[in-house]
Amino acid sequence: MYALFQNREDAGRQLAEKFVRYANRKDVVVLALPRGGVPVGYEVARKLHAPLALIIVRKLGVPGQDELAMGAIAPGDIQVINAEVVQKLQISDETIQAVAAAEKKELIRQEQLYHDHSPPVGIQGQKIILVDDGIATGSTMQAAVRVLKQQQSDRVMIAVPVASPEAYDLFFRLVDEIVVLAAPSFFQSVGQAYEDFSPTTDAEVNHLLDSARTACT
């Protein structure tokens, strides 16, 4: 798969064009998955003049293959397990729980780190545009969707620049709307869709959250 986007900002600007009907509304919130989803979400929120906030979830990476998700966790003791990956690689429950314990510590660290830059926003009754830089297996996005359904949002829309065809089919059934700019049949990884897929840092996340308070509302 050849690169489709220059970087996350470029992808976010292209994605934002698909949601212009939601611009300048008081019942729309853009939620980004940190860290890579934040530069994408910032561009969507800026175009729509909508609040930008975080929904923190953590991928459970397969030991030795961290980019491959065997599941994900989210606040509220939400845990999603990718049964296909677990069965195929014969991953034990003990391994899953050990990885989950480590990722829970990182989840708490991020909640504390980003808290002052991303004040809580109301979810109940709101239309949520849930943004990430892409979806591979879909574990982290599934965890995020569960959080939103627990909090009784009015409408859940997933917005990502690129996704695997399998992930697209999964979320098409799970949420009210999904917008994916590309779902290539020969999907291998999210990063392949980007010319520049450099890691997003905590400092960049906080800077974008601070900027969004004035630029996106």
N, C-alpha and C. Protein backbone atom coordinates (compact mmCIF):
# COMPACT_ATOMS: atom_id res chain seq x y z
N MET A 1 0.85 -1.20 0.00
CA MET A 1 0.00 0.00 0.00
C MET A 1 0.89 1.25 0.00
N TYR A 2 0.66 2.15 -0.93
CA TYR A 2 1.44 3.38 -1.01
C TYR A 2 0.87 4.42 -0.06
N ALA A 3 1.69 5.43 0.29
CA ALA A 3 1.26 6.45 1.23
C ALA A 3 0.10 7.27 0.66
N LEU A 4 -0.92 7.48 1.48
CA LEU A 4 -2.10 8.24 1.07
C LEU A 4 -2.14 9.63 1.67
N PHE A 5 -1.41 9.82 2.78
CA PHE A 5 -1.43 11.08 3.51
C PHE A 5 -0.02 11.54 3.82
N GLN A 6 0.20 12.83 3.77
CA GLN A 6 1.51 13.36 4.08
C GLN A 6 1.86 13.11 5.55
N ASN A 7 0.92 13.39 6.42
CA ASN A 7 1.11 13.19 7.86
C ASN A 7 -0.28 13.18 8.51
N ARG A 8 -0.32 13.13 9.83
CA ARG A 8 -1.61 13.07 10.53
C ARG A 8 -2.42 14.35 10.33
N GLU A 9 -1.74 15.48 10.25
CA GLU A 9 -2.44 16.74 10.05
C GLU A 9 -3.14 16.76 8.69
N ASP A 10 -2.45 16.33 7.67
CA ASP A 10 -3.04 16.24 6.34
C ASP A 10 -4.25 15.31 6.35
N ALA A 11 -4.10 14.17 6.99
CA ALA A 11 -5.20 13.21 7.08
C ALA A 11 -6.39 13.82 7.81
N GLY A 12 -6.12 14.56 8.90
CA GLY A 12 -7.18 15.19 9.65
C GLY A 12 -7.95 16.22 8.84
N ARG A 13 -7.22 17.00 8.05
CA ARG A 13 -7.89 18.01 7.23
C ARG A 13 -8.78 17.36 6.19
N GLN A 14 -8.32 16.27 5.59
CA GLN A 14 -9.16 15.57 4.61
C GLN A 14 -10.38 14.95 5.28
N LEU A 15 -10.18 14.40 6.46
CA LEU A 15 -11.27 13.76 7.18
C LEU A 15 -12.32 14.78 7.61
N ALA A 16 -11.86 15.96 8.00
CA ALA A 16 -12.78 17.00 8.47
C ALA A 16 -13.81 17.38 7.41
N GLU A 17 -13.42 17.31 6.15
CA GLU A 17 -14.33 17.69 5.07
C GLU A 17 -15.57 16.79 5.02
N LYS A 18 -15.45 15.59 5.56
CA LYS A 18 -16.58 14.65 5.55
C LYS A 18 -17.60 14.94 6.64
N PHE A 19 -17.28 15.90 7.52
CA PHE A 19 -18.17 16.17 8.65
C PHE A 19 -18.62 17.62 8.72
N VAL A 20 -18.51 18.34 7.62
CA VAL A 20 -18.83 19.78 7.66
C VAL A 20 -20.28 20.03 8.03
N ARG A 21 -21.15 19.06 7.83
CA ARG A 21 -22.57 19.25 8.22
C ARG A 21 -22.73 19.38 9.73
N TYR A 22 -21.68 19.01 10.48
CA TYR A 22 -21.75 19.11 11.94
C TYR A 22 -21.04 20.36 12.47
N ALA A 23 -20.65 21.26 11.59
CA ALA A 23 -19.94 22.47 12.02
C ALA A 23 -20.85 23.39 12.82
N ASN A 24 -20.25 24.06 13.81
CA ASN A 24 -20.91 25.11 14.59
C ASN A 24 -22.15 24.62 15.34
N ARG A 25 -22.13 23.37 15.76
CA ARG A 25 -23.24 22.84 16.55
C ARG A 25 -22.81 22.69 18.00
N LYS A 26 -23.75 22.87 18.90
CA LYS A 26 -23.46 22.78 20.32
C LYS A 26 -23.55 21.37 20.87
N ASP A 27 -24.04 20.44 20.04
CA ASP A 27 -24.23 19.07 20.53
C ASP A 27 -23.21 18.10 19.94
N VAL A 28 -22.07 18.63 19.45
CA VAL A 28 -21.04 17.81 18.83
C VAL A 28 -19.74 17.93 19.62
N VAL A 29 -19.13 16.79 19.91
CA VAL A 29 -17.84 16.74 20.59
C VAL A 29 -16.92 15.82 19.79
N VAL A 30 -15.68 16.26 19.59
CA VAL A 30 -14.66 15.43 18.95
C VAL A 30 -13.81 14.80 20.04
N LEU A 31 -13.77 13.48 20.06
CA LEU A 31 -12.95 12.74 21.02
C LEU A 31 -11.84 12.03 20.26
N ALA A 32 -10.61 12.26 20.69
CA ALA A 32 -9.45 11.65 20.03
C ALA A 32 -8.79 10.62 20.94
N LEU A 33 -8.28 9.57 20.33
CA LEU A 33 -7.52 8.57 21.06
C LEU A 33 -6.05 8.99 21.06
N PRO A 34 -5.47 9.20 22.27
CA PRO A 34 -4.05 9.57 22.29
C PRO A 34 -3.18 8.33 22.10
N ARG A 35 -2.00 8.53 21.49
CA ARG A 35 -1.54 9.85 21.16
C ARG A 35 -1.77 10.18 19.69
N GLY A 36 -1.64 9.20 18.82
CA GLY A 36 -1.68 9.48 17.38
C GLY A 36 -2.98 10.04 16.86
N GLY A 37 -4.07 9.81 17.57
CA GLY A 37 -5.35 10.33 17.11
C GLY A 37 -5.54 11.81 17.36
N VAL A 38 -4.70 12.39 18.22
CA VAL A 38 -4.91 13.79 18.61
C VAL A 38 -4.62 14.78 17.48
N PRO A 39 -3.51 14.66 16.73
CA PRO A 39 -3.31 15.58 15.61
C PRO A 39 -4.41 15.48 14.55
N VAL A 40 -4.93 14.28 14.35
CA VAL A 40 -6.04 14.10 13.41
C VAL A 40 -7.30 14.75 13.96
N GLY A 41 -7.59 14.46 15.21
CA GLY A 41 -8.78 15.01 15.85
C GLY A 41 -8.76 16.52 15.95
N TYR A 42 -7.58 17.08 16.17
CA TYR A 42 -7.45 18.54 16.26
C TYR A 42 -7.94 19.20 14.97
N GLU A 43 -7.54 18.65 13.82
CA GLU A 43 -7.94 19.24 12.54
C GLU A 43 -9.44 19.12 12.32
N VAL A 44 -10.03 18.00 12.76
CA VAL A 44 -11.48 17.83 12.63
C VAL A 44 -12.20 18.84 13.52
N ALA A 45 -11.76 18.95 14.78
CA ALA A 45 -12.39 19.87 15.72
C ALA A 45 -12.25 21.32 15.26
N ARG A 46 -11.09 21.67 14.72
CA ARG A 46 -10.85 23.04 14.27
C ARG A 46 -11.79 23.39 13.11
N LYS A 47 -11.97 22.47 12.18
CA LYS A 47 -12.85 22.71 11.04
C LYS A 47 -14.30 22.87 11.48
N LEU A 48 -14.71 22.10 12.49
CA LEU A 48 -16.11 22.10 12.91
C LEU A 48 -16.40 23.10 14.01
N HIS A 49 -15.34 23.74 14.56
CA HIS A 49 -15.50 24.61 15.72
C HIS A 49 -16.18 23.84 16.86
N ALA A 50 -15.64 22.65 17.11
CA ALA A 50 -16.19 21.76 18.14
C ALA A 50 -15.16 21.53 19.23
N PRO A 51 -15.59 21.23 20.44
CA PRO A 51 -14.64 20.91 21.51
C PRO A 51 -13.84 19.66 21.17
N LEU A 52 -12.56 19.68 21.58
CA LEU A 52 -11.69 18.51 21.42
C LEU A 52 -11.33 18.00 22.81
N ALA A 53 -11.56 16.72 23.02
CA ALA A 53 -11.20 16.09 24.28
C ALA A 53 -10.62 14.70 24.00
N LEU A 54 -10.15 14.06 25.05
CA LEU A 54 -9.52 12.76 24.91
C LEU A 54 -10.42 11.64 25.43
N ILE A 55 -10.27 10.48 24.82
CA ILE A 55 -10.80 9.25 25.41
C ILE A 55 -9.61 8.30 25.47
N ILE A 56 -9.16 8.03 26.67
CA ILE A 56 -7.90 7.31 26.85
C ILE A 56 -8.16 5.81 26.93
N VAL A 57 -7.61 5.08 26.00
CA VAL A 57 -7.65 3.63 25.99
C VAL A 57 -6.22 3.14 25.73
N ARG A 58 -5.97 1.91 26.13
CA ARG A 58 -4.62 1.37 25.94
C ARG A 58 -4.70 0.02 25.24
N LYS A 59 -3.90 -0.12 24.21
CA LYS A 59 -3.79 -1.38 23.49
C LYS A 59 -3.04 -2.40 24.33
N LEU A 60 -3.47 -3.66 24.27
CA LEU A 60 -2.72 -4.75 24.87
C LEU A 60 -1.92 -5.41 23.75
N GLY A 61 -0.65 -5.05 23.67
CA GLY A 61 0.18 -5.59 22.60
C GLY A 61 0.67 -6.99 22.91
N VAL A 62 0.79 -7.80 21.87
CA VAL A 62 1.35 -9.15 22.02
C VAL A 62 2.82 -9.03 22.43
N PRO A 63 3.24 -9.69 23.49
CA PRO A 63 4.64 -9.63 23.89
C PRO A 63 5.57 -10.01 22.74
N GLY A 64 6.53 -9.13 22.47
CA GLY A 64 7.45 -9.35 21.36
C GLY A 64 6.94 -8.86 20.03
N GLN A 65 5.64 -8.54 19.97
CA GLN A 65 5.03 -7.99 18.75
C GLN A 65 4.07 -6.87 19.18
N ASP A 66 4.64 -5.85 19.79
CA ASP A 66 3.82 -4.84 20.47
C ASP A 66 2.82 -4.15 19.56
N GLU A 67 3.11 -4.08 18.26
CA GLU A 67 2.18 -3.41 17.34
C GLU A 67 0.93 -4.25 17.08
N LEU A 68 1.00 -5.54 17.38
CA LEU A 68 -0.15 -6.43 17.16
C LEU A 68 -0.99 -6.45 18.43
N ALA A 69 -2.24 -6.04 18.32
CA ALA A 69 -3.11 -5.94 19.49
C ALA A 69 -3.81 -7.27 19.77
N MET A 70 -3.71 -7.70 21.03
CA MET A 70 -4.49 -8.87 21.46
C MET A 70 -5.71 -8.42 22.26
N GLY A 71 -5.84 -7.09 22.42
CA GLY A 71 -6.97 -6.54 23.14
C GLY A 71 -6.72 -5.10 23.50
N ALA A 72 -7.54 -4.57 24.41
CA ALA A 72 -7.40 -3.19 24.86
C ALA A 72 -8.13 -3.02 26.18
N ILE A 73 -7.76 -1.96 26.91
CA ILE A 73 -8.45 -1.62 28.15
C ILE A 73 -8.84 -0.15 28.11
N ALA A 74 -9.84 0.20 28.91
CA ALA A 74 -10.32 1.58 29.02
C ALA A 74 -10.78 1.81 30.44
N PRO A 75 -10.93 3.07 30.84
CA PRO A 75 -11.44 3.36 32.19
C PRO A 75 -12.79 2.68 32.44
N GLY A 76 -13.05 2.42 33.71
CA GLY A 76 -14.29 1.73 34.05
C GLY A 76 -14.16 0.22 33.98
N ASP A 77 -12.90 -0.27 34.07
CA ASP A 77 -12.63 -1.72 34.02
C ASP A 77 -13.11 -2.36 32.73
N ILE A 78 -13.09 -1.59 31.65
CA ILE A 78 -13.45 -2.15 30.34
C ILE A 78 -12.24 -2.86 29.75
N GLN A 79 -12.46 -4.08 29.30
CA GLN A 79 -11.39 -4.86 28.66
C GLN A 79 -11.96 -5.57 27.44
N VAL A 80 -11.29 -5.40 26.32
CA VAL A 80 -11.66 -6.05 25.07
C VAL A 80 -10.55 -7.03 24.71
N ILE A 81 -10.91 -8.25 24.36
CA ILE A 81 -9.93 -9.26 23.97
C ILE A 81 -10.16 -9.65 22.52
N ASN A 82 -9.10 -9.67 21.74
CA ASN A 82 -9.17 -10.12 20.36
C ASN A 82 -8.99 -11.64 20.35
N ALA A 83 -10.12 -12.33 20.36
CA ALA A 83 -10.08 -13.79 20.50
C ALA A 83 -9.30 -14.47 19.37
N GLU A 84 -9.40 -13.91 18.18
CA GLU A 84 -8.71 -14.52 17.03
C GLU A 84 -7.20 -14.50 17.23
N VAL A 85 -6.66 -13.35 17.66
CA VAL A 85 -5.22 -13.24 17.89
C VAL A 85 -4.79 -14.12 19.06
N VAL A 86 -5.56 -14.11 20.13
CA VAL A 86 -5.23 -14.90 21.32
C VAL A 86 -5.19 -16.39 21.00
N GLN A 87 -6.19 -16.85 20.27
CA GLN A 87 -6.24 -18.27 19.92
C GLN A 87 -5.14 -18.66 18.94
N LYS A 88 -4.93 -17.82 17.95
CA LYS A 88 -3.93 -18.14 16.93
C LYS A 88 -2.53 -18.23 17.52
N LEU A 89 -2.20 -17.34 18.46
CA LEU A 89 -0.87 -17.30 19.06
C LEU A 89 -0.80 -18.04 20.39
N GLN A 90 -1.94 -18.63 20.80
CA GLN A 90 -2.02 -19.41 22.04
C GLN A 90 -1.48 -18.61 23.24
N ILE A 91 -2.03 -17.43 23.41
CA ILE A 91 -1.62 -16.54 24.49
C ILE A 91 -2.40 -16.89 25.75
N SER A 92 -1.69 -17.07 26.85
CA SER A 92 -2.32 -17.50 28.09
C SER A 92 -3.04 -16.35 28.79
N ASP A 93 -3.99 -16.70 29.66
CA ASP A 93 -4.69 -15.69 30.46
C ASP A 93 -3.71 -14.93 31.34
N GLU A 94 -2.72 -15.62 31.85
CA GLU A 94 -1.72 -14.98 32.71
C GLU A 94 -0.96 -13.89 31.96
N THR A 95 -0.62 -14.18 30.70
CA THR A 95 0.09 -13.19 29.89
C THR A 95 -0.80 -11.99 29.62
N ILE A 96 -2.06 -12.24 29.30
CA ILE A 96 -2.99 -11.15 29.03
C ILE A 96 -3.12 -10.25 30.25
N GLN A 97 -3.29 -10.85 31.42
CA GLN A 97 -3.48 -10.05 32.63
C GLN A 97 -2.21 -9.30 33.03
N ALA A 98 -1.05 -9.88 32.76
CA ALA A 98 0.20 -9.19 33.06
C ALA A 98 0.36 -7.96 32.18
N VAL A 99 0.06 -8.10 30.90
CA VAL A 99 0.13 -6.96 29.99
C VAL A 99 -0.93 -5.92 30.37
N ALA A 100 -2.12 -6.39 30.72
CA ALA A 100 -3.20 -5.46 31.09
C ALA A 100 -2.82 -4.66 32.34
N ALA A 101 -2.15 -5.29 33.30
CA ALA A 101 -1.74 -4.58 34.52
C ALA A 101 -0.74 -3.48 34.20
N ALA A 102 0.21 -3.79 33.30
CA ALA A 102 1.20 -2.78 32.91
C ALA A 102 0.55 -1.64 32.16
N GLU A 103 -0.39 -1.95 31.28
CA GLU A 103 -1.05 -0.90 30.50
C GLU A 103 -2.00 -0.07 31.36
N LYS A 104 -2.54 -0.66 32.41
CA LYS A 104 -3.40 0.12 33.31
C LYS A 104 -2.59 1.22 34.00
N LYS A 105 -1.34 0.91 34.34
CA LYS A 105 -0.48 1.93 34.93
C LYS A 105 -0.24 3.08 33.95
N GLU A 106 -0.03 2.74 32.66
CA GLU A 106 0.18 3.77 31.65
C GLU A 106 -1.10 4.56 31.42
N LEU A 107 -2.24 3.89 31.47
CA LEU A 107 -3.52 4.59 31.31
C LEU A 107 -3.69 5.63 32.41
N ILE A 108 -3.39 5.24 33.65
CA ILE A 108 -3.51 6.16 34.78
C ILE A 108 -2.52 7.31 34.63
N ARG A 109 -1.30 6.99 34.17
CA ARG A 109 -0.29 8.04 33.97
C ARG A 109 -0.78 9.06 32.95
N GLN A 110 -1.35 8.59 31.85
CA GLN A 110 -1.83 9.51 30.82
C GLN A 110 -3.01 10.34 31.33
N GLU A 111 -3.92 9.71 32.07
CA GLU A 111 -5.04 10.46 32.62
C GLU A 111 -4.55 11.63 33.48
N GLN A 112 -3.52 11.37 34.29
CA GLN A 112 -2.98 12.42 35.16
C GLN A 112 -2.22 13.46 34.35
N LEU A 113 -1.45 13.01 33.36
CA LEU A 113 -0.64 13.91 32.56
C LEU A 113 -1.48 14.87 31.73
N TYR A 114 -2.56 14.37 31.15
CA TYR A 114 -3.37 15.18 30.24
C TYR A 114 -4.50 15.91 30.94
N HIS A 115 -4.74 15.61 32.20
CA HIS A 115 -5.94 16.09 32.88
C HIS A 115 -6.10 17.60 32.81
N ASP A 116 -5.04 18.34 33.12
CA ASP A 116 -5.15 19.80 33.16
C ASP A 116 -5.31 20.42 31.78
N HIS A 117 -4.95 19.67 30.74
CA HIS A 117 -5.03 20.19 29.38
C HIS A 117 -6.32 19.75 28.68
N SER A 118 -6.98 18.75 29.23
CA SER A 118 -8.21 18.23 28.63
C SER A 118 -9.27 18.08 29.70
N PRO A 119 -9.90 19.19 30.09
CA PRO A 119 -10.94 19.10 31.12
C PRO A 119 -12.08 18.22 30.64
N PRO A 120 -12.77 17.55 31.55
CA PRO A 120 -13.86 16.65 31.16
C PRO A 120 -14.95 17.38 30.38
N VAL A 121 -15.51 16.69 29.40
CA VAL A 121 -16.63 17.24 28.63
C VAL A 121 -17.82 16.32 28.81
N GLY A 122 -19.01 16.89 28.68
CA GLY A 122 -20.20 16.08 28.79
C GLY A 122 -20.37 15.18 27.58
N ILE A 123 -20.67 13.90 27.82
CA ILE A 123 -20.85 12.93 26.75
C ILE A 123 -22.32 12.58 26.57
N GLN A 124 -23.03 12.49 27.67
CA GLN A 124 -24.43 12.06 27.61
C GLN A 124 -25.25 12.99 26.73
N GLY A 125 -25.96 12.39 25.78
CA GLY A 125 -26.82 13.15 24.89
C GLY A 125 -26.11 13.88 23.77
N GLN A 126 -24.78 13.76 23.70
CA GLN A 126 -24.02 14.45 22.67
C GLN A 126 -23.75 13.55 21.46
N LYS A 127 -23.50 14.20 20.33
CA LYS A 127 -23.08 13.48 19.13
C LYS A 127 -21.55 13.46 19.14
N ILE A 128 -20.99 12.26 19.16
CA ILE A 128 -19.55 12.09 19.35
C ILE A 128 -18.88 11.66 18.04
N ILE A 129 -17.86 12.42 17.65
CA ILE A 129 -17.01 12.02 16.53
C ILE A 129 -15.73 11.47 17.14
N LEU A 130 -15.55 10.18 17.02
CA LEU A 130 -14.45 9.45 17.66
C LEU A 130 -13.33 9.26 16.65
N VAL A 131 -12.16 9.85 16.94
CA VAL A 131 -11.10 9.96 15.93
C VAL A 131 -9.83 9.23 16.37
N ASP A 132 -9.23 8.53 15.43
CA ASP A 132 -7.88 7.97 15.61
C ASP A 132 -7.16 8.11 14.28
N ASP A 133 -5.85 7.79 14.28
CA ASP A 133 -5.10 7.92 13.02
C ASP A 133 -5.28 6.71 12.12
N GLY A 134 -5.98 5.68 12.60
CA GLY A 134 -6.25 4.51 11.79
C GLY A 134 -6.69 3.35 12.67
N ILE A 135 -7.25 2.34 12.03
CA ILE A 135 -7.69 1.14 12.76
C ILE A 135 -7.12 -0.09 12.08
N ALA A 136 -6.42 -0.91 12.86
CA ALA A 136 -5.90 -2.18 12.35
C ALA A 136 -6.82 -3.31 12.82
N THR A 137 -6.60 -3.81 14.03
CA THR A 137 -7.47 -4.88 14.54
C THR A 137 -8.77 -4.32 15.11
N GLY A 138 -8.73 -3.09 15.62
CA GLY A 138 -9.93 -2.47 16.15
C GLY A 138 -10.14 -2.61 17.64
N SER A 139 -9.19 -3.22 18.36
CA SER A 139 -9.38 -3.46 19.78
C SER A 139 -9.52 -2.16 20.58
N THR A 140 -8.62 -1.19 20.34
CA THR A 140 -8.69 0.04 21.11
C THR A 140 -9.96 0.82 20.78
N MET A 141 -10.35 0.82 19.53
CA MET A 141 -11.58 1.54 19.16
C MET A 141 -12.80 0.87 19.77
N GLN A 142 -12.80 -0.46 19.84
CA GLN A 142 -13.92 -1.15 20.48
C GLN A 142 -14.04 -0.74 21.94
N ALA A 143 -12.91 -0.64 22.63
CA ALA A 143 -12.93 -0.23 24.03
C ALA A 143 -13.48 1.19 24.16
N ALA A 144 -13.09 2.08 23.26
CA ALA A 144 -13.58 3.46 23.29
C ALA A 144 -15.09 3.50 23.05
N VAL A 145 -15.58 2.71 22.12
CA VAL A 145 -17.02 2.67 21.84
C VAL A 145 -17.79 2.19 23.06
N ARG A 146 -17.25 1.22 23.76
CA ARG A 146 -17.93 0.73 24.97
C ARG A 146 -18.03 1.83 26.02
N VAL A 147 -16.99 2.62 26.16
CA VAL A 147 -17.03 3.74 27.11
C VAL A 147 -18.16 4.69 26.76
N LEU A 148 -18.28 5.03 25.48
CA LEU A 148 -19.29 5.99 25.05
C LEU A 148 -20.70 5.44 25.22
N LYS A 149 -20.86 4.16 24.99
CA LYS A 149 -22.18 3.57 25.17
C LYS A 149 -22.56 3.52 26.65
N GLN A 150 -21.57 3.30 27.51
CA GLN A 150 -21.83 3.34 28.94
C GLN A 150 -22.29 4.73 29.38
N GLN A 151 -21.72 5.76 28.73
CA GLN A 151 -22.04 7.13 29.11
C GLN A 151 -23.23 7.71 28.35
N GLN A 152 -23.88 6.86 27.57
CA GLN A 152 -25.16 7.20 26.91
C GLN A 152 -25.05 8.42 25.98
N SER A 153 -24.05 8.40 25.12
CA SER A 153 -23.97 9.43 24.09
C SER A 153 -25.13 9.25 23.11
N ASP A 154 -25.53 10.34 22.47
CA ASP A 154 -26.68 10.30 21.57
C ASP A 154 -26.36 9.59 20.26
N ARG A 155 -25.16 9.83 19.74
CA ARG A 155 -24.77 9.27 18.44
C ARG A 155 -23.26 9.09 18.44
N VAL A 156 -22.79 7.92 18.04
CA VAL A 156 -21.37 7.63 17.98
C VAL A 156 -20.95 7.48 16.53
N MET A 157 -20.01 8.34 16.12
CA MET A 157 -19.49 8.30 14.76
C MET A 157 -17.98 8.09 14.82
N ILE A 158 -17.49 7.11 14.11
CA ILE A 158 -16.05 6.86 14.03
C ILE A 158 -15.51 7.55 12.79
N ALA A 159 -14.38 8.25 12.97
CA ALA A 159 -13.74 8.95 11.86
C ALA A 159 -12.25 8.62 11.86
N VAL A 160 -11.81 7.90 10.85
CA VAL A 160 -10.39 7.56 10.73
C VAL A 160 -9.95 7.68 9.28
N PRO A 161 -8.70 8.05 9.05
CA PRO A 161 -8.22 8.14 7.68
C PRO A 161 -8.11 6.78 6.99
N VAL A 162 -7.70 5.75 7.74
CA VAL A 162 -7.46 4.45 7.11
C VAL A 162 -7.84 3.34 8.08
N ALA A 163 -8.33 2.24 7.53
CA ALA A 163 -8.71 1.09 8.34
C ALA A 163 -8.59 -0.17 7.51
N SER A 164 -8.41 -1.28 8.19
CA SER A 164 -8.46 -2.57 7.49
C SER A 164 -9.90 -2.83 7.09
N PRO A 165 -10.12 -3.56 6.01
CA PRO A 165 -11.50 -3.88 5.61
C PRO A 165 -12.26 -4.61 6.71
N GLU A 166 -11.56 -5.48 7.46
CA GLU A 166 -12.22 -6.22 8.53
C GLU A 166 -12.70 -5.28 9.64
N ALA A 167 -11.87 -4.28 9.97
CA ALA A 167 -12.25 -3.32 11.00
C ALA A 167 -13.44 -2.48 10.53
N TYR A 168 -13.41 -2.08 9.28
CA TYR A 168 -14.53 -1.29 8.75
C TYR A 168 -15.83 -2.08 8.87
N ASP A 169 -15.81 -3.35 8.50
CA ASP A 169 -17.02 -4.17 8.56
C ASP A 169 -17.50 -4.32 10.01
N LEU A 170 -16.55 -4.47 10.93
CA LEU A 170 -16.90 -4.62 12.34
C LEU A 170 -17.61 -3.38 12.88
N PHE A 171 -17.03 -2.21 12.65
CA PHE A 171 -17.59 -1.00 13.24
C PHE A 171 -18.81 -0.49 12.48
N PHE A 172 -18.95 -0.88 11.25
CA PHE A 172 -20.16 -0.53 10.50
C PHE A 172 -21.39 -1.06 11.23
N ARG A 173 -21.22 -2.19 11.92
CA ARG A 173 -22.33 -2.80 12.66
C ARG A 173 -22.44 -2.29 14.09
N LEU A 174 -21.36 -1.69 14.62
CA LEU A 174 -21.33 -1.34 16.04
C LEU A 174 -21.70 0.10 16.34
N VAL A 175 -21.52 1.01 15.38
CA VAL A 175 -21.74 2.43 15.66
C VAL A 175 -22.77 3.01 14.69
N ASP A 176 -23.16 4.25 14.96
CA ASP A 176 -24.18 4.89 14.13
C ASP A 176 -23.66 5.28 12.75
N GLU A 177 -22.38 5.60 12.68
CA GLU A 177 -21.79 6.00 11.40
C GLU A 177 -20.28 5.79 11.47
N ILE A 178 -19.70 5.38 10.38
CA ILE A 178 -18.24 5.28 10.30
C ILE A 178 -17.79 5.90 8.99
N VAL A 179 -16.79 6.77 9.09
CA VAL A 179 -16.20 7.40 7.91
C VAL A 179 -14.73 7.00 7.86
N VAL A 180 -14.35 6.31 6.81
CA VAL A 180 -12.97 5.88 6.57
C VAL A 180 -12.59 6.35 5.18
N LEU A 181 -11.50 7.08 5.09
CA LEU A 181 -11.09 7.59 3.78
C LEU A 181 -10.52 6.49 2.89
N ALA A 182 -9.92 5.48 3.50
CA ALA A 182 -9.34 4.38 2.71
C ALA A 182 -9.38 3.09 3.52
N ALA A 183 -9.82 2.01 2.88
CA ALA A 183 -9.80 0.68 3.48
C ALA A 183 -9.20 -0.28 2.46
N PRO A 184 -7.90 -0.18 2.22
CA PRO A 184 -7.26 -0.95 1.15
C PRO A 184 -7.33 -2.46 1.39
N SER A 185 -7.57 -3.19 0.33
CA SER A 185 -7.70 -4.64 0.44
C SER A 185 -6.40 -5.31 0.86
N PHE A 186 -5.27 -4.67 0.55
CA PHE A 186 -3.97 -5.24 0.94
C PHE A 186 -3.41 -4.51 2.16
N PHE A 187 -4.29 -4.23 3.11
CA PHE A 187 -3.90 -3.52 4.33
C PHE A 187 -2.89 -4.34 5.13
N GLN A 188 -1.79 -3.66 5.56
CA GLN A 188 -0.80 -4.32 6.41
C GLN A 188 -0.63 -3.58 7.74
N SER A 189 -0.61 -2.25 7.69
CA SER A 189 -0.47 -1.47 8.92
C SER A 189 -0.98 -0.06 8.67
N VAL A 190 -1.35 0.62 9.76
CA VAL A 190 -1.81 2.00 9.65
C VAL A 190 -0.70 2.90 9.12
N GLY A 191 0.50 2.69 9.62
CA GLY A 191 1.63 3.55 9.25
C GLY A 191 1.93 3.59 7.77
N GLN A 192 1.60 2.54 7.04
CA GLN A 192 1.88 2.50 5.60
C GLN A 192 1.09 3.54 4.82
N ALA A 193 0.02 4.05 5.42
CA ALA A 193 -0.80 5.05 4.73
C ALA A 193 -0.21 6.45 4.81
N TYR A 194 0.85 6.62 5.60
CA TYR A 194 1.42 7.94 5.87
C TYR A 194 2.86 8.04 5.38
N GLU A 195 3.19 9.18 4.75
CA GLU A 195 4.58 9.45 4.43
C GLU A 195 5.37 9.68 5.72
N ASP A 196 4.79 10.44 6.64
CA ASP A 196 5.42 10.72 7.94
C ASP A 196 4.50 10.17 9.03
N PHE A 197 4.95 9.12 9.69
CA PHE A 197 4.17 8.49 10.77
C PHE A 197 4.99 8.51 12.06
N SER A 198 5.69 9.63 12.27
CA SER A 198 6.50 9.77 13.47
C SER A 198 5.61 9.71 14.71
N PRO A 199 6.12 9.14 15.79
CA PRO A 199 5.30 9.05 17.01
C PRO A 199 4.89 10.44 17.51
N THR A 200 3.66 10.54 17.97
CA THR A 200 3.18 11.77 18.61
C THR A 200 3.60 11.74 20.07
N THR A 201 4.17 12.82 20.56
CA THR A 201 4.66 12.86 21.94
C THR A 201 3.59 13.39 22.90
N ASP A 202 3.82 13.15 24.19
CA ASP A 202 2.93 13.70 25.20
C ASP A 202 2.90 15.23 25.13
N ALA A 203 4.05 15.84 24.88
CA ALA A 203 4.12 17.29 24.79
C ALA A 203 3.28 17.81 23.63
N GLU A 204 3.31 17.11 22.51
CA GLU A 204 2.50 17.52 21.35
C GLU A 204 1.01 17.38 21.65
N VAL A 205 0.65 16.31 22.35
CA VAL A 205 -0.75 16.13 22.73
C VAL A 205 -1.23 17.31 23.58
N ASN A 206 -0.47 17.65 24.60
CA ASN A 206 -0.87 18.74 25.48
C ASN A 206 -0.90 20.09 24.76
N HIS A 207 0.04 20.30 23.84
CA HIS A 207 0.05 21.54 23.07
C HIS A 207 -1.20 21.66 22.21
N LEU A 208 -1.59 20.57 21.56
CA LEU A 208 -2.77 20.60 20.71
C LEU A 208 -4.04 20.77 21.53
N LEU A 209 -4.10 20.15 22.70
CA LEU A 209 -5.25 20.32 23.56
C LEU A 209 -5.39 21.76 24.03
N ASP A 210 -4.25 22.38 24.37
CA ASP A 210 -4.27 23.79 24.78
C ASP A 210 -4.70 24.69 23.62
N SER A 211 -4.16 24.41 22.44
CA SER A 211 -4.51 25.21 21.25
C SER A 211 -5.98 25.09 20.90
N ALA A 212 -6.53 23.88 21.11
CA ALA A 212 -7.92 23.62 20.73
C ALA A 212 -8.90 24.47 21.52
N ARG A 213 -8.53 24.90 22.70
CA ARG A 213 -9.45 25.70 23.52
C ARG A 213 -9.82 27.01 22.84
N THR A 214 -8.89 27.55 22.05
CA THR A 214 -9.17 28.80 21.34
C THR A 214 -9.41 28.59 19.86
N ALA A 215 -8.73 27.63 19.26
CA ALA A 215 -8.80 27.47 17.81
C ALA A 215 -10.02 26.66 17.36
N CYS A 216 -10.56 25.82 18.24
CA CYS A 216 -11.59 24.88 17.81
C CYS A 216 -12.99 25.22 18.30
N THR A 217 -13.14 26.27 19.10
CA THR A 217 -14.48 26.57 19.61
C THR A 217 -14.86 28.01 19.30
